[in-house]
Amino acid sequence: MELIELLRKTLIFSGLSDNDLAALARITQQRKFKKGDTLFCTGEQAAGFYLLVSGSIKLCRVSPDGREKVLHFVGPGETFAEAAFFGDGTYPAEARAMASGEALFLPRSGFMELVSSHPGFALNLVASMSLMLRQFVKQIEELSFADVTSRLSAFLLRRAGENSTCYAGITYVDLGVRKGELAARLGTASETISRTLRKLKDEGVIEVQGSRVVILQMDRLQKMAECHE
């Protein structure tokens, strides 16, 4: 039952029926990993895709001269490697654990059997993936058109919706990532993130307490998130 509930809360499986979720749970494999472990490498055959239950995963590519480019940070509740699974069949990046945790692995063979034998499963999956695509388009728009202040403000608002506490009208947000990871996620440099946080602090919008941000003016932060350079 716990496994079914984990699958149900995931965007890609949110539209599935109880019977489809039960069938999916039967083929799902639970895999634990430690910080520094590599779940798969670039170019490796995609035997399936993953749902992160706990911990943190970094998807990255390494250039021939050894430089690393972070493509995405995966948090609990998110799936990853679906593009490889449904695409050319090889992983386009490396998945490395930033913190110990657990992932659910959905093997290609069993998953494709479900898609072919359960028409309702396939239709619900298409609808869920369409929703995911719209979210990715929104993220690309943010990276393409919004300035760093807008991007950071939007990130803080998302985190406030996911992991925050409120007291006397003030919202306390746990960033959940280091500044370097946050910079990579927002497509900028660590120094720029530090300057932007300082700017928001100087304007009285937020306070910074280590890895926690205190949102003092939620309305102003929302307006900043909506403003494009």
C-alpha atoms as a PDB file:
ATOM      1  CA  MET A   1       0.000   0.000   0.000  1.00  0.00           C
ATOM      2  CA  GLU A   2       2.829   2.409   0.844  1.00  0.00           C
ATOM      3  CA  LEU A   3       4.418   1.777  -2.559  1.00  0.00           C
ATOM      4  CA  ILE A   4       1.113   2.458  -4.342  1.00  0.00           C
ATOM      5  CA  GLU A   5       0.733   5.755  -2.478  1.00  0.00           C
ATOM      6  CA  LEU A   6       4.270   6.807  -3.450  1.00  0.00           C
ATOM      7  CA  LEU A   7       3.437   6.148  -7.101  1.00  0.00           C
ATOM      8  CA  ARG A   8       0.070   7.919  -6.869  1.00  0.00           C
ATOM      9  CA  LYS A   9       1.681  11.154  -5.583  1.00  0.00           C
ATOM     10  CA  THR A  10       3.998  11.312  -8.604  1.00  0.00           C
ATOM     11  CA  LEU A  11       2.895  13.628 -11.412  1.00  0.00           C
ATOM     12  CA  ILE A  12       3.447  11.107 -14.200  1.00  0.00           C
ATOM     13  CA  PHE A  13       1.263   8.489 -12.441  1.00  0.00           C
ATOM     14  CA  SER A  14      -1.261  10.811 -10.782  1.00  0.00           C
ATOM     15  CA  GLY A  15      -4.053   9.989 -13.250  1.00  0.00           C
ATOM     16  CA  LEU A  16      -3.794   6.214 -12.989  1.00  0.00           C
ATOM     17  CA  SER A  17      -6.546   4.029 -11.522  1.00  0.00           C
ATOM     18  CA  ASP A  18      -6.062   1.938  -8.380  1.00  0.00           C
ATOM     19  CA  ASN A  19      -5.809  -1.238 -10.501  1.00  0.00           C
ATOM     20  CA  ASP A  20      -3.175   0.321 -12.780  1.00  0.00           C
ATOM     21  CA  LEU A  21      -1.194   1.557  -9.765  1.00  0.00           C
ATOM     22  CA  ALA A  22      -1.311  -1.908  -8.216  1.00  0.00           C
ATOM     23  CA  ALA A  23      -0.024  -3.436 -11.477  1.00  0.00           C
ATOM     24  CA  LEU A  24       2.723  -0.812 -11.615  1.00  0.00           C
ATOM     25  CA  ALA A  25       3.717  -1.498  -8.000  1.00  0.00           C
ATOM     26  CA  ARG A  26       4.194  -5.209  -8.816  1.00  0.00           C
ATOM     27  CA  ILE A  27       6.975  -4.469 -11.343  1.00  0.00           C
ATOM     28  CA  THR A  28       8.618  -1.671  -9.331  1.00  0.00           C
ATOM     29  CA  GLN A  29      11.993  -2.322  -7.682  1.00  0.00           C
ATOM     30  CA  GLN A  30      13.219  -0.448  -4.612  1.00  0.00           C
ATOM     31  CA  ARG A  31      16.883   0.607  -4.718  1.00  0.00           C
ATOM     32  CA  LYS A  32      18.884   2.293  -1.965  1.00  0.00           C
ATOM     33  CA  PHE A  33      21.997   4.355  -2.725  1.00  0.00           C
ATOM     34  CA  LYS A  34      24.704   6.234  -0.848  1.00  0.00           C
ATOM     35  CA  LYS A  35      26.123   9.707  -1.405  1.00  0.00           C
ATOM     36  CA  GLY A  36      28.544   9.597  -4.345  1.00  0.00           C
ATOM     37  CA  ASP A  37      26.991   6.501  -5.951  1.00  0.00           C
ATOM     38  CA  THR A  38      26.362   6.570  -9.711  1.00  0.00           C
ATOM     39  CA  LEU A  39      22.967   5.200 -10.723  1.00  0.00           C
ATOM     40  CA  PHE A  40      23.790   5.197 -14.435  1.00  0.00           C
ATOM     41  CA  CYS A  41      26.397   6.640 -16.818  1.00  0.00           C
ATOM     42  CA  THR A  42      26.195   8.607 -20.064  1.00  0.00           C
ATOM     43  CA  GLY A  43      25.612   6.303 -23.047  1.00  0.00           C
ATOM     44  CA  GLU A  44      24.573   3.340 -20.907  1.00  0.00           C
ATOM     45  CA  GLN A  45      21.610   1.286 -22.136  1.00  0.00           C
ATOM     46  CA  ALA A  46      18.388   2.596 -20.560  1.00  0.00           C
ATOM     47  CA  ALA A  47      16.964  -0.468 -18.823  1.00  0.00           C
ATOM     48  CA  GLY A  48      14.287   1.649 -17.123  1.00  0.00           C
ATOM     49  CA  PHE A  49      13.603   4.942 -15.395  1.00  0.00           C
ATOM     50  CA  TYR A  50      13.436   6.104 -11.779  1.00  0.00           C
ATOM     51  CA  LEU A  51      11.279   7.791  -9.168  1.00  0.00           C
ATOM     52  CA  LEU A  52      13.232   9.412  -6.345  1.00  0.00           C
ATOM     53  CA  VAL A  53      11.775   8.636  -2.910  1.00  0.00           C
ATOM     54  CA  SER A  54      14.432  10.307  -0.729  1.00  0.00           C
ATOM     55  CA  GLY A  55      17.872  11.846  -1.069  1.00  0.00           C
ATOM     56  CA  SER A  56      19.122  14.011  -3.932  1.00  0.00           C
ATOM     57  CA  ILE A  57      20.307  13.181  -7.463  1.00  0.00           C
ATOM     58  CA  LYS A  58      22.384  15.282  -9.842  1.00  0.00           C
ATOM     59  CA  LEU A  59      22.088  14.718 -13.604  1.00  0.00           C
ATOM     60  CA  CYS A  60      25.252  15.906 -15.321  1.00  0.00           C
ATOM     61  CA  ARG A  61      27.586  15.512 -18.280  1.00  0.00           C
ATOM     62  CA  VAL A  62      31.376  15.656 -18.250  1.00  0.00           C
ATOM     63  CA  SER A  63      33.266  17.238 -21.167  1.00  0.00           C
ATOM     64  CA  PRO A  64      36.400  15.608 -22.650  1.00  0.00           C
ATOM     65  CA  ASP A  65      38.569  18.052 -20.673  1.00  0.00           C
ATOM     66  CA  GLY A  66      36.904  17.026 -17.402  1.00  0.00           C
ATOM     67  CA  ARG A  67      34.534  19.952 -16.885  1.00  0.00           C
ATOM     68  CA  GLU A  68      31.157  19.054 -15.422  1.00  0.00           C
ATOM     69  CA  LYS A  69      27.888  20.567 -16.615  1.00  0.00           C
ATOM     70  CA  VAL A  70      24.902  20.083 -14.311  1.00  0.00           C
ATOM     71  CA  LEU A  71      21.704  19.546 -16.287  1.00  0.00           C
ATOM     72  CA  HIS A  72      19.205  19.054 -13.483  1.00  0.00           C
ATOM     73  CA  PHE A  73      18.849  18.350  -9.772  1.00  0.00           C
ATOM     74  CA  VAL A  74      16.230  15.749  -8.882  1.00  0.00           C
ATOM     75  CA  GLY A  75      14.314  15.959  -5.619  1.00  0.00           C
ATOM     76  CA  PRO A  76      12.024  13.492  -3.822  1.00  0.00           C
ATOM     77  CA  GLY A  77       8.802  12.792  -5.699  1.00  0.00           C
ATOM     78  CA  GLU A  78      10.329  13.478  -9.121  1.00  0.00           C
ATOM     79  CA  THR A  79      10.945  10.946 -11.875  1.00  0.00           C
ATOM     80  CA  PHE A  80      14.072  10.993 -14.035  1.00  0.00           C
ATOM     81  CA  ALA A  81      15.516   9.260 -17.119  1.00  0.00           C
ATOM     82  CA  GLU A  82      12.067   9.012 -18.784  1.00  0.00           C
ATOM     83  CA  ALA A  83      13.420  10.723 -21.927  1.00  0.00           C
ATOM     84  CA  ALA A  84      16.005   7.980 -22.375  1.00  0.00           C
ATOM     85  CA  PHE A  85      13.414   5.330 -21.628  1.00  0.00           C
ATOM     86  CA  PHE A  86      10.995   6.540 -24.299  1.00  0.00           C
ATOM     87  CA  GLY A  87      13.671   7.908 -26.653  1.00  0.00           C
ATOM     88  CA  ASP A  88      16.716   6.292 -28.238  1.00  0.00           C
ATOM     89  CA  GLY A  89      17.231   3.833 -25.381  1.00  0.00           C
ATOM     90  CA  THR A  90      20.455   5.233 -23.904  1.00  0.00           C
ATOM     91  CA  TYR A  91      20.990   7.557 -20.950  1.00  0.00           C
ATOM     92  CA  PRO A  92      22.132  11.014 -22.205  1.00  0.00           C
ATOM     93  CA  ALA A  93      23.688  11.963 -18.854  1.00  0.00           C
ATOM     94  CA  GLU A  94      25.131  10.591 -15.634  1.00  0.00           C
ATOM     95  CA  ALA A  95      23.015  10.309 -12.478  1.00  0.00           C
ATOM     96  CA  ARG A  96      25.049  10.852  -9.318  1.00  0.00           C
ATOM     97  CA  ALA A  97      23.773  10.797  -5.729  1.00  0.00           C
ATOM     98  CA  MET A  98      24.288  14.070  -3.852  1.00  0.00           C
ATOM     99  CA  ALA A  99      22.849  12.560  -0.663  1.00  0.00           C
ATOM    100  CA  SER A 100      22.010   9.029   0.438  1.00  0.00           C
ATOM    101  CA  GLY A 101      18.466   7.887  -0.199  1.00  0.00           C
ATOM    102  CA  GLU A 102      16.169   5.546  -2.056  1.00  0.00           C
ATOM    103  CA  ALA A 103      14.738   5.374  -5.580  1.00  0.00           C
ATOM    104  CA  LEU A 104      12.092   3.249  -7.248  1.00  0.00           C
ATOM    105  CA  PHE A 105      13.238   1.639 -10.496  1.00  0.00           C
ATOM    106  CA  LEU A 106      10.679   0.897 -13.219  1.00  0.00           C
ATOM    107  CA  PRO A 107      12.140  -1.693 -15.630  1.00  0.00           C
ATOM    108  CA  ARG A 108      11.552  -1.171 -19.337  1.00  0.00           C
ATOM    109  CA  SER A 109      10.283  -4.680 -20.101  1.00  0.00           C
ATOM    110  CA  GLY A 110       7.592  -4.794 -17.416  1.00  0.00           C
ATOM    111  CA  PHE A 111       6.556  -1.193 -17.981  1.00  0.00           C
ATOM    112  CA  MET A 112       6.080  -1.629 -21.747  1.00  0.00           C
ATOM    113  CA  GLU A 113       3.987  -4.730 -21.083  1.00  0.00           C
ATOM    114  CA  LEU A 114       1.643  -2.640 -18.957  1.00  0.00           C
ATOM    115  CA  VAL A 115       1.411   0.044 -21.653  1.00  0.00           C
ATOM    116  CA  SER A 116       0.532  -2.495 -24.355  1.00  0.00           C
ATOM    117  CA  SER A 117      -1.937  -4.552 -22.298  1.00  0.00           C
ATOM    118  CA  HIS A 118      -3.759  -1.728 -20.439  1.00  0.00           C
ATOM    119  CA  PRO A 119      -5.152   0.920 -22.860  1.00  0.00           C
ATOM    120  CA  GLY A 120      -6.389   3.051 -19.959  1.00  0.00           C
ATOM    121  CA  PHE A 121      -2.903   3.003 -18.436  1.00  0.00           C
ATOM    122  CA  ALA A 122      -1.397   4.275 -21.697  1.00  0.00           C
ATOM    123  CA  LEU A 123      -3.981   7.070 -22.091  1.00  0.00           C
ATOM    124  CA  ASN A 124      -3.559   8.303 -18.521  1.00  0.00           C
ATOM    125  CA  LEU A 125       0.203   8.202 -18.954  1.00  0.00           C
ATOM    126  CA  VAL A 126       0.011  10.374 -22.080  1.00  0.00           C
ATOM    127  CA  ALA A 127      -2.141  12.930 -20.220  1.00  0.00           C
ATOM    128  CA  SER A 128       0.281  13.041 -17.275  1.00  0.00           C
ATOM    129  CA  MET A 129       3.310  13.430 -19.544  1.00  0.00           C
ATOM    130  CA  SER A 130       1.573  16.294 -21.371  1.00  0.00           C
ATOM    131  CA  LEU A 131       1.238  18.059 -18.016  1.00  0.00           C
ATOM    132  CA  MET A 132       4.929  17.434 -17.301  1.00  0.00           C
ATOM    133  CA  LEU A 133       5.818  18.893 -20.711  1.00  0.00           C
ATOM    134  CA  ARG A 134       3.905  22.090 -19.923  1.00  0.00           C
ATOM    135  CA  GLN A 135       5.837  22.417 -16.671  1.00  0.00           C
ATOM    136  CA  PHE A 136       9.160  22.001 -18.504  1.00  0.00           C
ATOM    137  CA  VAL A 137       8.115  24.642 -21.057  1.00  0.00           C
ATOM    138  CA  LYS A 138       7.400  27.021 -18.166  1.00  0.00           C
ATOM    139  CA  GLN A 139      10.840  26.332 -16.691  1.00  0.00           C
ATOM    140  CA  ILE A 140      12.499  26.973 -20.073  1.00  0.00           C
ATOM    141  CA  GLU A 141      10.602  30.262 -20.379  1.00  0.00           C
ATOM    142  CA  GLU A 142      11.862  31.303 -16.952  1.00  0.00           C
ATOM    143  CA  LEU A 143      15.465  30.509 -17.878  1.00  0.00           C
ATOM    144  CA  SER A 144      15.144  32.221 -21.274  1.00  0.00           C
ATOM    145  CA  PHE A 145      13.215  35.387 -20.464  1.00  0.00           C
ATOM    146  CA  ALA A 146      13.292  36.062 -16.725  1.00  0.00           C
ATOM    147  CA  ASP A 147      16.188  37.838 -15.022  1.00  0.00           C
ATOM    148  CA  VAL A 148      17.947  36.225 -12.069  1.00  0.00           C
ATOM    149  CA  THR A 149      15.860  38.117  -9.502  1.00  0.00           C
ATOM    150  CA  SER A 150      12.653  36.797 -11.095  1.00  0.00           C
ATOM    151  CA  ARG A 151      14.021  33.259 -11.328  1.00  0.00           C
ATOM    152  CA  LEU A 152      15.197  33.246  -7.718  1.00  0.00           C
ATOM    153  CA  SER A 153      11.902  34.739  -6.514  1.00  0.00           C
ATOM    154  CA  ALA A 154       9.950  32.069  -8.408  1.00  0.00           C
ATOM    155  CA  PHE A 155      12.160  29.359  -6.895  1.00  0.00           C
ATOM    156  CA  LEU A 156      11.582  30.684  -3.367  1.00  0.00           C
ATOM    157  CA  LEU A 157       7.821  30.729  -3.970  1.00  0.00           C
ATOM    158  CA  ARG A 158       7.891  27.116  -5.206  1.00  0.00           C
ATOM    159  CA  ARG A 159       9.897  26.054  -2.152  1.00  0.00           C
ATOM    160  CA  ALA A 160       7.445  27.929   0.065  1.00  0.00           C
ATOM    161  CA  GLY A 161       4.684  25.797  -1.416  1.00  0.00           C
ATOM    162  CA  GLU A 162       6.646  22.571  -0.937  1.00  0.00           C
ATOM    163  CA  ASN A 163       8.555  22.908   2.331  1.00  0.00           C
ATOM    164  CA  SER A 164       7.888  25.866   4.613  1.00  0.00           C
ATOM    165  CA  THR A 165       6.502  26.883   7.982  1.00  0.00           C
ATOM    166  CA  CYS A 166       4.506  30.031   8.784  1.00  0.00           C
ATOM    167  CA  TYR A 167       4.430  32.010  12.009  1.00  0.00           C
ATOM    168  CA  ALA A 168       2.740  35.381  12.577  1.00  0.00           C
ATOM    169  CA  GLY A 169       2.403  35.951   8.836  1.00  0.00           C
ATOM    170  CA  ILE A 170       6.084  35.248   8.112  1.00  0.00           C
ATOM    171  CA  THR A 171       7.118  32.274   5.968  1.00  0.00           C
ATOM    172  CA  TYR A 172      10.256  30.258   6.730  1.00  0.00           C
ATOM    173  CA  VAL A 173      11.617  28.364   3.708  1.00  0.00           C
ATOM    174  CA  ASP A 174      14.253  25.624   3.664  1.00  0.00           C
ATOM    175  CA  LEU A 175      16.272  26.075   0.451  1.00  0.00           C
ATOM    176  CA  GLY A 176      16.987  22.348   0.234  1.00  0.00           C
ATOM    177  CA  VAL A 177      20.086  22.908  -1.960  1.00  0.00           C
ATOM    178  CA  ARG A 178      23.482  24.570  -1.684  1.00  0.00           C
ATOM    179  CA  LYS A 179      24.078  27.880  -3.438  1.00  0.00           C
ATOM    180  CA  GLY A 180      26.185  26.203  -6.125  1.00  0.00           C
ATOM    181  CA  GLU A 181      23.418  23.714  -6.872  1.00  0.00           C
ATOM    182  CA  LEU A 182      20.819  26.470  -6.845  1.00  0.00           C
ATOM    183  CA  ALA A 183      22.912  28.534  -9.273  1.00  0.00           C
ATOM    184  CA  ALA A 184      23.169  25.581 -11.673  1.00  0.00           C
ATOM    185  CA  ARG A 185      19.418  25.004 -11.431  1.00  0.00           C
ATOM    186  CA  LEU A 186      18.670  28.661 -12.221  1.00  0.00           C
ATOM    187  CA  GLY A 187      21.250  28.893 -14.999  1.00  0.00           C
ATOM    188  CA  THR A 188      23.590  31.423 -13.371  1.00  0.00           C
ATOM    189  CA  ALA A 189      26.702  31.669 -11.155  1.00  0.00           C
ATOM    190  CA  SER A 190      26.991  31.221  -7.378  1.00  0.00           C
ATOM    191  CA  GLU A 191      28.235  34.803  -7.009  1.00  0.00           C
ATOM    192  CA  THR A 192      25.132  36.081  -8.801  1.00  0.00           C
ATOM    193  CA  ILE A 193      22.866  34.091  -6.458  1.00  0.00           C
ATOM    194  CA  SER A 194      24.691  35.583  -3.443  1.00  0.00           C
ATOM    195  CA  ARG A 195      24.330  39.121  -4.835  1.00  0.00           C
ATOM    196  CA  THR A 196      20.638  38.609  -5.595  1.00  0.00           C
ATOM    197  CA  LEU A 197      19.912  37.220  -2.120  1.00  0.00           C
ATOM    198  CA  ARG A 198      21.731  40.231  -0.668  1.00  0.00           C
ATOM    199  CA  LYS A 199      19.676  42.565  -2.859  1.00  0.00           C
ATOM    200  CA  LEU A 200      16.395  41.004  -1.708  1.00  0.00           C
ATOM    201  CA  LYS A 201      17.603  41.226   1.885  1.00  0.00           C
ATOM    202  CA  ASP A 202      18.612  44.899   1.543  1.00  0.00           C
ATOM    203  CA  GLU A 203      15.174  45.693   0.131  1.00  0.00           C
ATOM    204  CA  GLY A 204      13.510  44.056   3.137  1.00  0.00           C
ATOM    205  CA  VAL A 205      11.879  41.271   1.128  1.00  0.00           C
ATOM    206  CA  ILE A 206      13.702  38.391   2.828  1.00  0.00           C
ATOM    207  CA  GLU A 207      16.150  37.475   5.567  1.00  0.00           C
ATOM    208  CA  VAL A 208      18.768  34.742   5.131  1.00  0.00           C
ATOM    209  CA  GLN A 209      19.498  32.382   8.023  1.00  0.00           C
ATOM    210  CA  GLY A 210      22.038  29.839   6.790  1.00  0.00           C
ATOM    211  CA  SER A 211      20.223  27.400   4.512  1.00  0.00           C
ATOM    212  CA  ARG A 212      16.872  28.944   5.434  1.00  0.00           C
ATOM    213  CA  VAL A 213      15.201  32.002   3.912  1.00  0.00           C
ATOM    214  CA  VAL A 214      12.619  34.044   5.820  1.00  0.00           C
ATOM    215  CA  ILE A 215      10.092  35.654   3.470  1.00  0.00           C
ATOM    216  CA  LEU A 216       9.064  38.973   5.023  1.00  0.00           C
ATOM    217  CA  GLN A 217       7.109  40.421   2.086  1.00  0.00           C
ATOM    218  CA  MET A 218       5.322  37.631   0.203  1.00  0.00           C
ATOM    219  CA  ASP A 219       3.388  40.035  -2.072  1.00  0.00           C
ATOM    220  CA  ARG A 220       6.569  41.785  -3.234  1.00  0.00           C
ATOM    221  CA  LEU A 221       8.286  38.468  -3.852  1.00  0.00           C
ATOM    222  CA  GLN A 222       5.345  37.348  -6.006  1.00  0.00           C
ATOM    223  CA  LYS A 223       5.549  40.566  -8.032  1.00  0.00           C
ATOM    224  CA  MET A 224       9.297  40.090  -8.521  1.00  0.00           C
ATOM    225  CA  ALA A 225       8.697  36.538  -9.756  1.00  0.00           C
ATOM    226  CA  GLU A 226       6.291  37.865 -12.379  1.00  0.00           C
ATOM    227  CA  CYS A 227       8.632  40.624 -13.651  1.00  0.00           C
ATOM    228  CA  HIS A 228      10.829  39.885 -16.673  1.00  0.00           C
ATOM    229  CA  GLU A 229      13.922  41.858 -17.536  1.00  0.00           C
END
